[in-house]
Amino acid sequence: MRLGVAGAMGVAGALLAALAAPGCSNDAGPAVPIDPAVMYAQNCARCHGVDGRGDPELKKTLPVRDFSDPVFLAKAQTEDLQRTIMAGKGQMPAFGASLSMPKIQSLSGYIQRLGRTPVARP
């Protein structure tokens, strides 16, 4: 099928109109605050535990990082945590495709604070 200049202009105009239609925008929408505690609960607590010490049952079969371990806290670098969250490590899945960099940064800070927060023992 061959289009003349007028036909090509009509197709181009229709394409531009379709791209400008509602729902086809690059607008990201309103900013939503990042809650690292919610992200941690959704993505990390299942293995690392609510308190960051690791799920006791899972630790019997997998090497799960204890975020309160003094050796870990002494060596933990923000960039290393972010890289591990993004790319995964060992059995830990990668979250780089599902979490934005600001969310990963927020989550890494939360993990560092979580490990330093004393947990009340019953």
Protein backbone atom coordinates (compact mmCIF):
# COMPACT_ATOMS: atom_id res chain seq x y z
CA MET A 1 0.00 0.00 0.00
CA ARG A 2 1.38 3.38 -1.03
CA LEU A 3 0.40 6.58 0.70
CA GLY A 4 0.64 10.00 -0.81
CA VAL A 5 1.96 12.95 1.15
CA ALA A 6 -1.52 13.76 2.44
CA GLY A 7 -2.06 10.13 3.50
CA ALA A 8 1.30 9.98 5.28
CA MET A 9 0.54 13.23 7.08
CA GLY A 10 -2.82 11.81 8.16
CA VAL A 11 -1.16 8.66 9.55
CA ALA A 12 1.48 10.73 11.35
CA GLY A 13 -1.20 12.98 12.81
CA ALA A 14 -3.22 10.00 14.01
CA LEU A 15 -0.11 8.52 15.61
CA LEU A 16 0.66 11.76 17.45
CA ALA A 17 -2.94 12.01 18.64
CA ALA A 18 -2.81 8.44 19.94
CA LEU A 19 0.42 9.14 21.82
CA ALA A 20 -1.09 12.23 23.42
CA ALA A 21 -4.23 10.35 24.50
CA PRO A 22 -4.92 9.88 28.23
CA GLY A 23 -3.04 6.90 29.64
CA CYS A 24 -0.10 7.34 27.23
CA SER A 25 1.79 9.86 29.29
CA ASN A 26 5.34 9.89 30.62
CA ASP A 27 4.05 11.52 33.79
CA ALA A 28 5.11 9.38 36.74
CA GLY A 29 2.20 10.62 38.81
CA PRO A 30 2.33 12.05 42.30
CA ALA A 31 5.36 11.40 44.46
CA VAL A 32 4.82 8.65 47.00
CA PRO A 33 6.96 8.59 50.14
CA ILE A 34 9.29 5.63 50.53
CA ASP A 35 8.70 3.60 53.69
CA PRO A 36 11.75 1.35 54.14
CA ALA A 37 10.08 -0.59 56.98
CA VAL A 38 7.26 -1.63 54.65
CA MET A 39 9.73 -2.55 51.88
CA TYR A 40 11.78 -4.57 54.37
CA ALA A 41 8.66 -6.39 55.61
CA GLN A 42 7.59 -7.16 52.02
CA ASN A 43 10.96 -8.19 50.60
CA CYS A 44 13.39 -9.13 53.37
CA ALA A 45 11.74 -10.16 56.65
CA ARG A 46 10.74 -13.61 55.41
CA CYS A 47 14.42 -14.65 55.43
CA HIS A 48 16.16 -12.02 57.53
CA GLY A 49 13.50 -11.87 60.24
CA VAL A 50 11.47 -8.91 61.43
CA ASP A 51 14.32 -7.85 63.72
CA GLY A 52 17.08 -8.44 61.13
CA ARG A 53 18.61 -11.36 63.02
CA GLY A 54 17.48 -13.97 60.48
CA ASP A 55 14.65 -16.45 60.57
CA PRO A 56 15.76 -19.18 63.05
CA GLU A 57 14.26 -22.06 61.02
CA LEU A 58 15.69 -20.84 57.74
CA LYS A 59 19.12 -20.35 59.30
CA LYS A 60 19.25 -24.11 59.92
CA THR A 61 19.46 -24.75 56.17
CA LEU A 62 20.69 -21.49 54.57
CA PRO A 63 23.38 -18.95 55.45
CA VAL A 64 21.11 -16.00 56.27
CA ARG A 65 22.79 -12.69 57.14
CA ASP A 66 22.25 -11.48 60.71
CA PHE A 67 22.18 -7.69 60.48
CA SER A 68 22.99 -7.33 64.19
CA ASP A 69 26.25 -9.31 63.91
CA PRO A 70 29.06 -7.00 65.15
CA VAL A 71 31.43 -8.24 62.42
CA PHE A 72 28.81 -7.46 59.76
CA LEU A 73 28.13 -4.02 61.27
CA ALA A 74 31.85 -3.19 61.37
CA LYS A 75 32.31 -4.11 57.69
CA ALA A 76 28.93 -3.10 56.24
CA GLN A 77 29.38 -0.41 53.62
CA THR A 78 26.33 1.29 52.17
CA GLU A 79 27.51 0.69 48.59
CA ASP A 80 28.02 -3.03 49.27
CA LEU A 81 24.53 -3.36 50.74
CA GLN A 82 23.01 -1.54 47.78
CA ARG A 83 24.92 -3.75 45.33
CA THR A 84 23.73 -6.91 47.14
CA ILE A 85 20.11 -5.72 47.17
CA MET A 86 20.33 -4.90 43.45
CA ALA A 87 22.15 -8.01 42.22
CA GLY A 88 21.38 -10.58 44.91
CA LYS A 89 23.95 -12.90 46.46
CA GLY A 90 23.97 -16.66 46.87
CA GLN A 91 20.36 -17.73 47.52
CA MET A 92 19.19 -14.13 47.91
CA PRO A 93 17.28 -12.91 44.85
CA ALA A 94 18.14 -9.69 43.03
CA PHE A 95 15.78 -6.76 43.57
CA GLY A 96 17.34 -4.37 41.03
CA ALA A 97 14.55 -4.94 38.53
CA SER A 98 11.74 -4.42 41.04
CA LEU A 99 13.09 -1.64 43.28
CA SER A 100 14.26 1.79 42.12
CA MET A 101 17.64 3.12 43.24
CA PRO A 102 16.06 5.54 45.78
CA LYS A 103 14.17 2.58 47.29
CA ILE A 104 17.35 0.47 47.40
CA GLN A 105 19.22 3.36 49.07
CA SER A 106 16.46 3.78 51.64
CA LEU A 107 16.35 0.04 52.29
CA SER A 108 20.12 -0.20 52.81
CA GLY A 109 19.99 2.57 55.41
CA TYR A 110 17.10 0.85 57.14
CA ILE A 111 19.07 -2.42 57.28
CA GLN A 112 22.05 -0.66 58.86
CA ARG A 113 19.82 1.01 61.47
CA LEU A 114 17.92 -2.22 62.10
CA GLY A 115 21.14 -4.07 62.91
CA ARG A 116 22.19 -1.42 65.41
CA THR A 117 18.81 -1.25 67.16
CA PRO A 118 18.80 -3.32 70.34
CA VAL A 119 16.01 -5.86 70.44
CA ALA A 120 14.23 -6.41 73.75
CA ARG A 121 14.53 -10.01 74.92
CA PRO A 122 11.53 -11.62 76.66
